[in-house]
Amino acid sequence: QVQLVESGGGLVQSGGSLRLSCAVSGFRLNYAAVGWFRQAPGKGREGVSCIRPGDGSTNYSDFLKGRFTITSDNAKNTVFLQMNSLKPEDTAVYYCAAVPRWYSVRVPCRENEYIRWGQGTQVTVSS
């Protein structure tokens, strides 16, 4: 059974850091693409950062300006999102998503390209 379970969210002050984890079960990451998306109150879901764990290729949204880093531990079948220099506008529910088989060299990071989703983890950044 395919499952994506996010963890690591919480409340942090502006300028702080959090590390989100996405534990994947039901398929191996080697041929997959995995992405982090977020949805702020009253807004649509947007792509944050995505990775193709098989070769480590990544894709980041422009608004991040180098503050976030996506990595994977393929042995543990887990993808991480290290978030530094957090701002109040980063407050959102963060979702992990995956497509188990992705054969293109491009790293997908659009919501409609992903077919498996986790339940989300809340990140709140106070000013």
Foldseek 3Di string as FASTA:
>chain_A
DWAWAKDWADEEAQQAKIKMKIQIDDAFLQQKKKFKWWDAPPGDIFTAKIASQNVGDIDGDPVLVPQWDWHDDRVRRMIMIIGGRDDQVVWTWMKMFMDRHDDDPDRDGDPVVTDGIHPTDTHGYHD
